[in-house]
Amino acid sequence: MEEYQETKIQKLKKFLRECKRVIRVTRKPNREEFKTIVKVSGLGMIIIGLIGFLIAMGKQLLF
């Protein structure tokens, strides 16, 4: 039982170390990167919406 607890604690410590490393490496996007992310995300939402709309229209026409 003690070994099990110890491995759980070790896994938790390893996870927290990795989280700290990721936070240190990440950075805030600059204005251009942010604009690009917004454009790509918006375009993706529009495309997915159009696909859903076309499927719904096709369903209405067929059934």
Protein backbone atom coordinates (compact mmCIF):
# COMPACT_ATOMS: atom_id res chain seq x y z
CA MET A 1 0.00 0.00 0.00
CA GLU A 2 2.84 2.40 0.81
CA GLU A 3 4.47 1.72 -2.55
CA TYR A 4 1.19 2.51 -4.27
CA GLN A 5 0.92 5.83 -2.41
CA GLU A 6 4.52 6.67 -3.22
CA THR A 7 4.06 6.06 -6.93
CA LYS A 8 0.91 8.22 -6.91
CA ILE A 9 2.85 11.04 -5.25
CA GLN A 10 5.70 10.66 -7.74
CA LYS A 11 3.27 10.78 -10.66
CA LEU A 12 1.64 13.90 -9.24
CA LYS A 13 5.02 15.61 -8.78
CA LYS A 14 6.05 14.70 -12.33
CA PHE A 15 2.77 16.07 -13.69
CA LEU A 16 3.19 19.34 -11.78
CA ARG A 17 6.78 19.71 -13.06
CA GLU A 18 5.57 19.24 -16.63
CA CYS A 19 2.79 21.79 -16.09
CA LYS A 20 5.32 24.35 -14.83
CA ARG A 21 7.53 23.71 -17.86
CA VAL A 22 4.64 24.22 -20.28
CA ILE A 23 3.62 27.46 -18.57
CA ARG A 24 7.20 28.76 -18.75
CA VAL A 25 7.45 27.96 -22.48
CA THR A 26 4.10 29.47 -23.52
CA ARG A 27 3.72 33.14 -24.32
CA LYS A 28 0.98 35.59 -25.19
CA PRO A 29 0.39 35.87 -28.97
CA ASN A 30 1.21 39.18 -30.60
CA ARG A 31 -1.42 41.17 -32.49
CA GLU A 32 -0.74 39.54 -35.88
CA GLU A 33 -0.82 36.01 -34.47
CA PHE A 34 -4.06 36.80 -32.67
CA LYS A 35 -5.67 38.17 -35.85
CA THR A 36 -4.63 35.05 -37.76
CA ILE A 37 -6.04 32.76 -35.07
CA VAL A 38 -9.34 34.67 -35.06
CA LYS A 39 -9.60 34.56 -38.87
CA VAL A 40 -8.86 30.84 -39.10
CA SER A 41 -11.24 29.99 -36.24
CA GLY A 42 -14.01 32.10 -37.76
CA LEU A 43 -13.52 30.55 -41.17
CA GLY A 44 -13.66 27.08 -39.63
CA MET A 45 -16.92 27.88 -37.85
CA ILE A 46 -18.44 29.23 -41.06
CA ILE A 47 -17.40 26.13 -43.02
CA ILE A 48 -18.80 23.78 -40.37
CA GLY A 49 -22.02 25.81 -40.27
CA LEU A 50 -22.38 25.65 -44.04
CA ILE A 51 -21.83 21.90 -44.04
CA GLY A 52 -24.50 21.51 -41.35
CA PHE A 53 -26.87 23.77 -43.27
CA LEU A 54 -26.36 21.82 -46.50
CA ILE A 55 -26.97 18.52 -44.71
CA ALA A 56 -30.16 19.90 -43.14
CA MET A 57 -31.37 21.24 -46.49
CA GLY A 58 -30.59 17.93 -48.19
CA LYS A 59 -32.51 16.08 -45.49
CA GLN A 60 -35.51 18.40 -45.96
CA LEU A 61 -35.49 17.86 -49.72
CA LEU A 62 -35.09 14.08 -49.55
CA PHE A 63 -37.48 13.24 -46.72
